[in-house]
């Protein structure tokens, strides 16, 4: 059973930065496509960023492209989300997710990910 634990969320002023971490245990982390999703109050969960097995391929939603960077350290079983130039529209609960599927393709739908963390709150104030 894979467990994912996010950390790094918090309260930040608009224009600031945060780095989220997601530590994985219980599986072969280097074989998982990892993704970050977020859900704001009253809104549906949305894809933010994804990274393939070795970290050589990444994909971002248009809303965060150029501001957020996803990365991973397979030796530490951890995936990161560096978030810069934050705006109040980035306020949400952020979730990391793992896809153990054999194809290594970065999915953008939540249904493509099998394991999920509990989420970490990010609040951006103006």
Foldseek 3Di string as FASTA:
>chain_A
DKAKAKDWADEEAAQAKIKMKIAIDDDQLLQKKKFKWWDDPPGDIWTAKIAFNQRPDMDGDPVQPPFWDWGDDSVRRMIMIIGGRDDQVPWTWMKMFIANDRPRDTDGDPVRTDDIYPTDTHGYHD
